[in-house]
Amino acid sequence: MEPGGDVIAELAADHRELEALFSQIELQPVDHPRRRKLADRLTAELVRHTVAEKLHLYPVVRENVPHGAALADKKLAEHVRAEQMLKDLEDLSVHDPRFNDTIAKLKFEVASHVREEEHELFPKLAAALPPEKLDELGRLVRRARDMAPTRTGAGLVDRVRDLVRTTTASGL
């Protein structure tokens, strides 16, 4: 994505990238090692996206959107479920039948989250904030994504969770 999109355009572009990664995984033969590489890339991208939403989107939704606190809490709970699936996935080989089950469950969770965000949350956010604020949030989201770890491997989800706690505590 080219720099400069507002927060809605930025996050929607992330959503399309995640959908494409799920499709690429599904196109691979069941036990193919490329599935693991794609799952690792999916994990990295999903975690970067999650960091950006937690740091910048949900606090603004909570404060500016009608019933924003409940909506943000619901979205954060969805992130917790997805993060657990990502942690489970980190330890699974493509030869383990749970690998495909976890990918399928994660895809369902992410698709539901994306659908609700794009059809419910984004329109409410666009109605609540002026374009300049949406652009500013887009810049903050890009910065948060760039700061989030992208290397996959053991503990990526935990490392990112720690980063979010550190950046939130330091006021970034």
N, C-alpha and C. Protein backbone atom coordinates (compact mmCIF):
# COMPACT_ATOMS: atom_id res chain seq x y z
N MET A 1 0.84 -1.18 0.00
CA MET A 1 0.00 0.00 0.00
C MET A 1 0.88 1.23 0.00
N GLU A 2 0.52 2.22 -0.78
CA GLU A 2 1.29 3.46 -0.81
C GLU A 2 0.98 4.26 0.44
N PRO A 3 2.02 4.97 0.96
CA PRO A 3 1.78 5.77 2.16
C PRO A 3 0.75 6.86 1.91
N GLY A 4 0.04 7.22 2.95
CA GLY A 4 -0.86 8.35 2.85
C GLY A 4 -2.33 8.01 2.96
N GLY A 5 -2.68 6.75 3.08
CA GLY A 5 -4.09 6.41 3.19
C GLY A 5 -4.62 6.70 4.58
N ASP A 6 -5.92 6.99 4.67
CA ASP A 6 -6.50 7.18 5.99
C ASP A 6 -6.58 5.82 6.69
N VAL A 7 -6.95 5.84 7.95
CA VAL A 7 -6.93 4.61 8.75
C VAL A 7 -7.82 3.52 8.16
N ILE A 8 -8.94 3.90 7.61
CA ILE A 8 -9.85 2.91 7.04
C ILE A 8 -9.23 2.26 5.80
N ALA A 9 -8.63 3.06 4.94
CA ALA A 9 -7.97 2.51 3.74
C ALA A 9 -6.79 1.63 4.14
N GLU A 10 -6.03 2.05 5.12
CA GLU A 10 -4.87 1.27 5.58
C GLU A 10 -5.29 -0.09 6.11
N LEU A 11 -6.27 -0.09 6.99
CA LEU A 11 -6.69 -1.35 7.61
C LEU A 11 -7.42 -2.25 6.61
N ALA A 12 -8.18 -1.66 5.70
CA ALA A 12 -8.85 -2.45 4.67
C ALA A 12 -7.81 -3.10 3.75
N ALA A 13 -6.74 -2.39 3.45
CA ALA A 13 -5.66 -2.98 2.63
C ALA A 13 -5.02 -4.15 3.37
N ASP A 14 -4.83 -4.00 4.67
CA ASP A 14 -4.33 -5.12 5.48
C ASP A 14 -5.27 -6.31 5.38
N HIS A 15 -6.56 -6.05 5.46
CA HIS A 15 -7.55 -7.12 5.38
C HIS A 15 -7.43 -7.89 4.07
N ARG A 16 -7.26 -7.15 2.96
CA ARG A 16 -7.12 -7.81 1.66
C ARG A 16 -5.85 -8.65 1.62
N GLU A 17 -4.78 -8.15 2.22
CA GLU A 17 -3.53 -8.92 2.24
C GLU A 17 -3.69 -10.21 3.06
N LEU A 18 -4.38 -10.12 4.18
CA LEU A 18 -4.61 -11.32 4.99
C LEU A 18 -5.46 -12.33 4.23
N GLU A 19 -6.50 -11.86 3.56
CA GLU A 19 -7.34 -12.75 2.76
C GLU A 19 -6.51 -13.44 1.67
N ALA A 20 -5.62 -12.70 1.04
CA ALA A 20 -4.77 -13.26 -0.01
C ALA A 20 -3.83 -14.33 0.57
N LEU A 21 -3.31 -14.09 1.75
CA LEU A 21 -2.42 -15.08 2.38
C LEU A 21 -3.19 -16.36 2.72
N PHE A 22 -4.39 -16.22 3.24
CA PHE A 22 -5.20 -17.41 3.50
C PHE A 22 -5.43 -18.19 2.19
N SER A 23 -5.73 -17.48 1.12
CA SER A 23 -5.95 -18.14 -0.17
C SER A 23 -4.70 -18.86 -0.65
N GLN A 24 -3.54 -18.21 -0.49
CA GLN A 24 -2.28 -18.84 -0.91
C GLN A 24 -2.02 -20.12 -0.11
N ILE A 25 -2.31 -20.08 1.18
CA ILE A 25 -2.13 -21.28 2.01
C ILE A 25 -3.03 -22.40 1.50
N GLU A 26 -4.29 -22.07 1.23
CA GLU A 26 -5.25 -23.08 0.79
C GLU A 26 -4.90 -23.67 -0.57
N LEU A 27 -4.17 -22.93 -1.40
CA LEU A 27 -3.80 -23.42 -2.72
C LEU A 27 -2.67 -24.44 -2.68
N GLN A 28 -1.95 -24.50 -1.58
CA GLN A 28 -0.83 -25.43 -1.46
C GLN A 28 -1.34 -26.83 -1.13
N PRO A 29 -0.62 -27.87 -1.61
CA PRO A 29 -0.98 -29.23 -1.19
C PRO A 29 -0.90 -29.34 0.34
N VAL A 30 -1.72 -30.19 0.91
CA VAL A 30 -1.93 -30.26 2.35
C VAL A 30 -0.64 -30.31 3.18
N ASP A 31 0.31 -31.16 2.83
CA ASP A 31 1.51 -31.30 3.66
C ASP A 31 2.71 -30.52 3.11
N HIS A 32 2.49 -29.64 2.17
CA HIS A 32 3.60 -28.93 1.53
C HIS A 32 4.27 -27.96 2.50
N PRO A 33 5.61 -27.95 2.54
CA PRO A 33 6.34 -27.06 3.46
C PRO A 33 6.03 -25.57 3.22
N ARG A 34 5.64 -25.22 2.01
CA ARG A 34 5.31 -23.81 1.73
C ARG A 34 4.14 -23.34 2.61
N ARG A 35 3.27 -24.25 3.01
CA ARG A 35 2.16 -23.88 3.90
C ARG A 35 2.70 -23.30 5.21
N ARG A 36 3.78 -23.88 5.72
CA ARG A 36 4.37 -23.39 6.96
C ARG A 36 4.93 -21.98 6.76
N LYS A 37 5.64 -21.77 5.65
CA LYS A 37 6.20 -20.44 5.37
C LYS A 37 5.10 -19.40 5.22
N LEU A 38 4.06 -19.77 4.52
CA LEU A 38 2.93 -18.85 4.35
C LEU A 38 2.21 -18.61 5.68
N ALA A 39 2.08 -19.64 6.49
CA ALA A 39 1.45 -19.47 7.81
C ALA A 39 2.29 -18.55 8.69
N ASP A 40 3.61 -18.67 8.59
CA ASP A 40 4.49 -17.77 9.35
C ASP A 40 4.34 -16.32 8.87
N ARG A 41 4.24 -16.16 7.57
CA ARG A 41 4.05 -14.81 7.02
C ARG A 41 2.68 -14.26 7.44
N LEU A 42 1.67 -15.10 7.40
CA LEU A 42 0.34 -14.70 7.85
C LEU A 42 0.39 -14.27 9.32
N THR A 43 1.08 -15.04 10.14
CA THR A 43 1.21 -14.71 11.56
C THR A 43 1.84 -13.34 11.72
N ALA A 44 2.94 -13.10 11.02
CA ALA A 44 3.63 -11.81 11.14
C ALA A 44 2.72 -10.66 10.72
N GLU A 45 2.03 -10.82 9.59
CA GLU A 45 1.17 -9.74 9.11
C GLU A 45 -0.03 -9.52 10.03
N LEU A 46 -0.60 -10.59 10.52
CA LEU A 46 -1.75 -10.47 11.40
C LEU A 46 -1.36 -9.82 12.73
N VAL A 47 -0.18 -10.17 13.22
CA VAL A 47 0.28 -9.58 14.47
C VAL A 47 0.58 -8.09 14.28
N ARG A 48 1.20 -7.72 13.17
CA ARG A 48 1.47 -6.30 12.90
C ARG A 48 0.16 -5.52 12.82
N HIS A 49 -0.82 -6.09 12.16
CA HIS A 49 -2.14 -5.47 12.03
C HIS A 49 -2.79 -5.30 13.40
N THR A 50 -2.69 -6.35 14.21
CA THR A 50 -3.27 -6.33 15.55
C THR A 50 -2.64 -5.24 16.41
N VAL A 51 -1.32 -5.12 16.35
CA VAL A 51 -0.62 -4.08 17.10
C VAL A 51 -1.17 -2.71 16.73
N ALA A 52 -1.29 -2.46 15.44
CA ALA A 52 -1.77 -1.15 14.98
C ALA A 52 -3.19 -0.87 15.47
N GLU A 53 -4.05 -1.88 15.39
CA GLU A 53 -5.43 -1.67 15.85
C GLU A 53 -5.49 -1.44 17.35
N LYS A 54 -4.74 -2.23 18.11
CA LYS A 54 -4.77 -2.08 19.57
C LYS A 54 -4.22 -0.74 20.02
N LEU A 55 -3.16 -0.30 19.40
CA LEU A 55 -2.53 0.96 19.82
C LEU A 55 -3.33 2.19 19.39
N HIS A 56 -3.93 2.14 18.21
CA HIS A 56 -4.48 3.38 17.66
C HIS A 56 -5.96 3.34 17.31
N LEU A 57 -6.46 2.25 16.77
CA LEU A 57 -7.86 2.23 16.35
C LEU A 57 -8.81 2.14 17.53
N TYR A 58 -8.63 1.14 18.37
CA TYR A 58 -9.62 0.89 19.41
C TYR A 58 -9.70 2.00 20.47
N PRO A 59 -8.59 2.62 20.86
CA PRO A 59 -8.74 3.76 21.78
C PRO A 59 -9.57 4.90 21.18
N VAL A 60 -9.40 5.16 19.90
CA VAL A 60 -10.17 6.22 19.24
C VAL A 60 -11.63 5.82 19.10
N VAL A 61 -11.87 4.56 18.77
CA VAL A 61 -13.26 4.07 18.68
C VAL A 61 -13.93 4.20 20.04
N ARG A 62 -13.23 3.79 21.08
CA ARG A 62 -13.76 3.85 22.44
C ARG A 62 -14.21 5.26 22.81
N GLU A 63 -13.43 6.25 22.41
CA GLU A 63 -13.68 7.65 22.80
C GLU A 63 -14.61 8.42 21.86
N ASN A 64 -14.72 8.00 20.61
CA ASN A 64 -15.39 8.85 19.62
C ASN A 64 -16.62 8.25 18.95
N VAL A 65 -16.77 6.95 19.00
CA VAL A 65 -17.87 6.29 18.30
C VAL A 65 -18.98 5.98 19.31
N PRO A 66 -20.24 6.22 18.94
CA PRO A 66 -21.32 5.84 19.85
C PRO A 66 -21.23 4.35 20.19
N HIS A 67 -21.35 4.05 21.48
CA HIS A 67 -21.20 2.68 21.99
C HIS A 67 -19.83 2.10 21.66
N GLY A 68 -18.85 2.99 21.53
CA GLY A 68 -17.50 2.60 21.13
C GLY A 68 -16.80 1.70 22.12
N ALA A 69 -17.06 1.88 23.40
CA ALA A 69 -16.38 1.04 24.40
C ALA A 69 -16.78 -0.43 24.21
N ALA A 70 -18.06 -0.67 24.04
CA ALA A 70 -18.53 -2.06 23.85
C ALA A 70 -18.00 -2.63 22.54
N LEU A 71 -17.99 -1.82 21.51
CA LEU A 71 -17.49 -2.28 20.21
C LEU A 71 -15.99 -2.59 20.29
N ALA A 72 -15.22 -1.71 20.91
CA ALA A 72 -13.78 -1.94 21.06
C ALA A 72 -13.51 -3.18 21.90
N ASP A 73 -14.26 -3.36 22.98
CA ASP A 73 -14.08 -4.55 23.83
C ASP A 73 -14.36 -5.83 23.04
N LYS A 74 -15.38 -5.80 22.21
CA LYS A 74 -15.72 -6.97 21.40
C LYS A 74 -14.59 -7.29 20.43
N LYS A 75 -14.06 -6.27 19.78
CA LYS A 75 -12.98 -6.46 18.81
C LYS A 75 -11.71 -6.95 19.52
N LEU A 76 -11.43 -6.42 20.68
CA LEU A 76 -10.25 -6.86 21.44
C LEU A 76 -10.38 -8.32 21.85
N ALA A 77 -11.58 -8.74 22.22
CA ALA A 77 -11.80 -10.15 22.58
C ALA A 77 -11.57 -11.05 21.36
N GLU A 78 -11.96 -10.58 20.19
CA GLU A 78 -11.69 -11.34 18.97
C GLU A 78 -10.19 -11.47 18.72
N HIS A 79 -9.46 -10.40 19.00
CA HIS A 79 -8.00 -10.45 18.86
C HIS A 79 -7.39 -11.48 19.80
N VAL A 80 -7.90 -11.56 21.00
CA VAL A 80 -7.38 -12.54 21.98
C VAL A 80 -7.57 -13.96 21.43
N ARG A 81 -8.74 -14.24 20.88
CA ARG A 81 -8.99 -15.58 20.32
C ARG A 81 -8.05 -15.86 19.15
N ALA A 82 -7.87 -14.88 18.27
CA ALA A 82 -6.98 -15.07 17.12
C ALA A 82 -5.53 -15.25 17.57
N GLU A 83 -5.11 -14.47 18.57
CA GLU A 83 -3.74 -14.60 19.07
C GLU A 83 -3.49 -15.99 19.65
N GLN A 84 -4.48 -16.55 20.32
CA GLN A 84 -4.30 -17.90 20.86
C GLN A 84 -4.15 -18.90 19.72
N MET A 85 -4.93 -18.73 18.68
CA MET A 85 -4.81 -19.63 17.53
C MET A 85 -3.43 -19.49 16.88
N LEU A 86 -2.93 -18.26 16.80
CA LEU A 86 -1.60 -18.05 16.23
C LEU A 86 -0.53 -18.71 17.09
N LYS A 87 -0.69 -18.62 18.40
CA LYS A 87 0.26 -19.29 19.30
C LYS A 87 0.21 -20.80 19.10
N ASP A 88 -0.99 -21.34 18.97
CA ASP A 88 -1.14 -22.77 18.73
C ASP A 88 -0.49 -23.16 17.40
N LEU A 89 -0.68 -22.34 16.40
CA LEU A 89 -0.16 -22.62 15.07
C LEU A 89 1.37 -22.61 15.04
N GLU A 90 1.99 -21.75 15.85
CA GLU A 90 3.45 -21.65 15.86
C GLU A 90 4.13 -22.99 16.13
N ASP A 91 3.51 -23.83 16.93
CA ASP A 91 4.13 -25.08 17.35
C ASP A 91 3.75 -26.28 16.48
N LEU A 92 2.93 -26.07 15.47
CA LEU A 92 2.44 -27.19 14.67
C LEU A 92 3.20 -27.34 13.36
N SER A 93 3.49 -28.56 13.02
CA SER A 93 4.07 -28.91 11.72
C SER A 93 2.94 -29.01 10.70
N VAL A 94 3.26 -28.81 9.43
CA VAL A 94 2.23 -28.96 8.40
C VAL A 94 1.73 -30.39 8.31
N HIS A 95 2.49 -31.32 8.87
CA HIS A 95 2.09 -32.73 8.85
C HIS A 95 1.11 -33.08 9.97
N ASP A 96 0.97 -32.17 10.91
CA ASP A 96 0.04 -32.38 12.03
C ASP A 96 -1.36 -32.00 11.55
N PRO A 97 -2.34 -32.89 11.70
CA PRO A 97 -3.71 -32.58 11.25
C PRO A 97 -4.27 -31.32 11.92
N ARG A 98 -3.77 -30.99 13.09
CA ARG A 98 -4.27 -29.78 13.77
C ARG A 98 -3.84 -28.51 13.04
N PHE A 99 -2.78 -28.58 12.22
CA PHE A 99 -2.33 -27.41 11.45
C PHE A 99 -3.46 -26.90 10.57
N ASN A 100 -4.04 -27.79 9.77
CA ASN A 100 -5.11 -27.39 8.85
C ASN A 100 -6.37 -26.95 9.60
N ASP A 101 -6.68 -27.63 10.69
CA ASP A 101 -7.83 -27.24 11.50
C ASP A 101 -7.64 -25.84 12.07
N THR A 102 -6.45 -25.56 12.56
CA THR A 102 -6.16 -24.26 13.16
C THR A 102 -6.22 -23.16 12.10
N ILE A 103 -5.68 -23.43 10.92
CA ILE A 103 -5.75 -22.46 9.82
C ILE A 103 -7.22 -22.18 9.48
N ALA A 104 -8.03 -23.21 9.39
CA ALA A 104 -9.45 -23.04 9.05
C ALA A 104 -10.18 -22.22 10.12
N LYS A 105 -9.93 -22.52 11.38
CA LYS A 105 -10.57 -21.77 12.47
C LYS A 105 -10.11 -20.32 12.49
N LEU A 106 -8.81 -20.12 12.26
CA LEU A 106 -8.26 -18.77 12.23
C LEU A 106 -8.86 -17.97 11.07
N LYS A 107 -8.98 -18.61 9.92
CA LYS A 107 -9.57 -17.93 8.76
C LYS A 107 -11.00 -17.51 9.07
N PHE A 108 -11.77 -18.38 9.68
CA PHE A 108 -13.15 -18.05 10.03
C PHE A 108 -13.18 -16.87 11.01
N GLU A 109 -12.34 -16.92 12.02
CA GLU A 109 -12.29 -15.84 13.03
C GLU A 109 -11.91 -14.51 12.38
N VAL A 110 -10.87 -14.53 11.55
CA VAL A 110 -10.41 -13.30 10.90
C VAL A 110 -11.46 -12.78 9.93
N ALA A 111 -12.08 -13.66 9.16
CA ALA A 111 -13.09 -13.23 8.20
C ALA A 111 -14.28 -12.57 8.91
N SER A 112 -14.69 -13.13 10.02
CA SER A 112 -15.79 -12.56 10.79
C SER A 112 -15.41 -11.19 11.35
N HIS A 113 -14.21 -11.11 11.88
CA HIS A 113 -13.69 -9.85 12.43
C HIS A 113 -13.65 -8.77 11.33
N VAL A 114 -13.10 -9.13 10.19
CA VAL A 114 -12.97 -8.19 9.07
C VAL A 114 -14.34 -7.72 8.60
N ARG A 115 -15.25 -8.65 8.42
CA ARG A 115 -16.60 -8.31 7.94
C ARG A 115 -17.26 -7.30 8.89
N GLU A 116 -17.21 -7.58 10.18
CA GLU A 116 -17.84 -6.67 11.15
C GLU A 116 -17.12 -5.32 11.20
N GLU A 117 -15.79 -5.34 11.10
CA GLU A 117 -15.06 -4.07 11.11
C GLU A 117 -15.44 -3.22 9.91
N GLU A 118 -15.44 -3.84 8.74
CA GLU A 118 -15.68 -3.07 7.52
C GLU A 118 -17.13 -2.64 7.35
N HIS A 119 -18.07 -3.43 7.87
CA HIS A 119 -19.49 -3.09 7.69
C HIS A 119 -20.10 -2.34 8.86
N GLU A 120 -19.49 -2.44 10.04
CA GLU A 120 -20.05 -1.79 11.22
C GLU A 120 -19.12 -0.70 11.77
N LEU A 121 -17.91 -1.09 12.12
CA LEU A 121 -17.01 -0.17 12.80
C LEU A 121 -16.51 0.95 11.88
N PHE A 122 -16.03 0.62 10.68
CA PHE A 122 -15.48 1.64 9.80
C PHE A 122 -16.49 2.73 9.43
N PRO A 123 -17.73 2.37 9.07
CA PRO A 123 -18.69 3.43 8.78
C PRO A 123 -18.96 4.34 9.99
N LYS A 124 -19.03 3.75 11.18
CA LYS A 124 -19.24 4.55 12.39
C LYS A 124 -18.06 5.47 12.65
N LEU A 125 -16.85 4.95 12.42
CA LEU A 125 -15.65 5.75 12.61
C LEU A 125 -15.61 6.91 11.61
N ALA A 126 -15.93 6.63 10.35
CA ALA A 126 -15.94 7.66 9.32
C ALA A 126 -16.97 8.76 9.63
N ALA A 127 -18.09 8.37 10.22
CA ALA A 127 -19.11 9.36 10.57
C ALA A 127 -18.73 10.18 11.80
N ALA A 128 -17.88 9.62 12.66
CA ALA A 128 -17.55 10.27 13.93
C ALA A 128 -16.34 11.20 13.84
N LEU A 129 -15.46 10.98 12.86
CA LEU A 129 -14.21 11.74 12.81
C LEU A 129 -14.05 12.49 11.50
N PRO A 130 -13.43 13.67 11.57
CA PRO A 130 -13.17 14.41 10.33
C PRO A 130 -12.05 13.72 9.53
N PRO A 131 -11.99 13.98 8.23
CA PRO A 131 -10.97 13.35 7.38
C PRO A 131 -9.54 13.55 7.88
N GLU A 132 -9.24 14.71 8.44
CA GLU A 132 -7.87 14.96 8.92
C GLU A 132 -7.49 13.99 10.04
N LYS A 133 -8.43 13.71 10.92
CA LYS A 133 -8.17 12.78 12.02
C LYS A 133 -8.01 11.36 11.48
N LEU A 134 -8.81 10.99 10.49
CA LEU A 134 -8.68 9.67 9.87
C LEU A 134 -7.32 9.53 9.19
N ASP A 135 -6.85 10.61 8.56
CA ASP A 135 -5.52 10.60 7.94
C ASP A 135 -4.43 10.47 8.99
N GLU A 136 -4.57 11.21 10.08
CA GLU A 136 -3.59 11.13 11.17
C GLU A 136 -3.53 9.71 11.73
N LEU A 137 -4.69 9.11 11.93
CA LEU A 137 -4.73 7.72 12.41
C LEU A 137 -4.08 6.77 11.41
N GLY A 138 -4.25 7.04 10.12
CA GLY A 138 -3.60 6.23 9.10
C GLY A 138 -2.09 6.28 9.24
N ARG A 139 -1.55 7.47 9.51
CA ARG A 139 -0.09 7.61 9.71
C ARG A 139 0.35 6.84 10.96
N LEU A 140 -0.43 6.94 12.03
CA LEU A 140 -0.08 6.23 13.26
C LEU A 140 -0.13 4.71 13.08
N VAL A 141 -1.11 4.24 12.33
CA VAL A 141 -1.23 2.81 12.05
C VAL A 141 -0.02 2.32 11.25
N ARG A 142 0.37 3.09 10.23
CA ARG A 142 1.54 2.70 9.43
C ARG A 142 2.78 2.63 10.32
N ARG A 143 2.94 3.61 11.19
CA ARG A 143 4.11 3.62 12.07
C ARG A 143 4.10 2.44 13.03
N ALA A 144 2.95 2.13 13.59
CA ALA A 144 2.85 0.99 14.51
C ALA A 144 3.15 -0.32 13.80
N ARG A 145 2.65 -0.48 12.59
CA ARG A 145 2.93 -1.69 11.82
C ARG A 145 4.42 -1.81 11.53
N ASP A 146 5.05 -0.69 11.20
CA ASP A 146 6.48 -0.72 10.89
C ASP A 146 7.33 -1.06 12.11
N MET A 147 6.84 -0.72 13.29
CA MET A 147 7.59 -1.00 14.52
C MET A 147 7.40 -2.43 15.01
N ALA A 148 6.32 -3.05 14.64
CA ALA A 148 6.01 -4.40 15.14
C ALA A 148 6.98 -5.42 14.55
N PRO A 149 7.35 -6.42 15.33
CA PRO A 149 8.24 -7.46 14.82
C PRO A 149 7.63 -8.18 13.63
N THR A 150 8.47 -8.54 12.69
CA THR A 150 7.98 -9.28 11.53
C THR A 150 8.63 -10.64 11.42
N ARG A 151 9.68 -10.88 12.19
CA ARG A 151 10.29 -12.21 12.14
C ARG A 151 9.39 -13.19 12.84
N THR A 152 9.20 -14.31 12.19
CA THR A 152 8.36 -15.33 12.78
C THR A 152 9.22 -16.28 13.58
N GLY A 153 8.55 -17.22 14.20
CA GLY A 153 9.26 -18.20 15.01
C GLY A 153 8.68 -18.25 16.38
N ALA A 154 9.29 -19.03 17.21
CA ALA A 154 8.76 -19.26 18.56
C ALA A 154 8.54 -17.94 19.28
N GLY A 155 7.35 -17.78 19.78
CA GLY A 155 7.05 -16.66 20.65
C GLY A 155 6.73 -15.34 19.95
N LEU A 156 6.50 -15.31 18.65
CA LEU A 156 6.22 -14.05 17.97
C LEU A 156 5.03 -13.34 18.60
N VAL A 157 3.97 -14.06 18.84
CA VAL A 157 2.76 -13.44 19.40
C VAL A 157 3.07 -12.85 20.77
N ASP A 158 3.83 -13.58 21.59
CA ASP A 158 4.19 -13.06 22.91
C ASP A 158 5.10 -11.84 22.80
N ARG A 159 6.04 -11.86 21.86
CA ARG A 159 6.93 -10.71 21.70
C ARG A 159 6.15 -9.48 21.29
N VAL A 160 5.19 -9.64 20.41
CA VAL A 160 4.39 -8.50 19.98
C VAL A 160 3.50 -8.01 21.11
N ARG A 161 2.93 -8.93 21.86
CA ARG A 161 2.11 -8.53 23.00
C ARG A 161 2.95 -7.68 23.96
N ASP A 162 4.19 -8.10 24.21
CA ASP A 162 5.09 -7.32 25.06
C ASP A 162 5.38 -5.95 24.45
N LEU A 163 5.57 -5.88 23.13
CA LEU A 163 5.81 -4.61 22.47
C LEU A 163 4.63 -3.68 22.66
N VAL A 164 3.43 -4.21 22.50
CA VAL A 164 2.23 -3.37 22.67
C VAL A 164 2.17 -2.83 24.09
N ARG A 165 2.43 -3.68 25.07
CA ARG A 165 2.42 -3.22 26.47
C ARG A 165 3.47 -2.14 26.70
N THR A 166 4.67 -2.33 26.15
CA THR A 166 5.77 -1.36 26.32
C THR A 166 5.44 -0.04 25.67
N THR A 167 4.94 -0.08 24.42
CA THR A 167 4.64 1.16 23.71
C THR A 167 3.45 1.88 24.33
N THR A 168 2.49 1.13 24.80
CA THR A 168 1.35 1.74 25.46
C THR A 168 1.78 2.41 26.76
N ALA A 169 2.62 1.73 27.52
CA ALA A 169 3.11 2.29 28.79
C ALA A 169 3.98 3.53 28.56
N SER A 170 4.72 3.57 27.44
CA SER A 170 5.60 4.71 27.19
C SER A 170 4.88 5.86 26.51
N GLY A 171 3.60 5.64 26.16
CA GLY A 171 2.79 6.71 25.60
C GLY A 171 2.96 6.92 24.11
N LEU A 172 3.55 5.97 23.40
CA LEU A 172 3.69 6.11 21.94
C LEU A 172 2.37 5.88 21.24
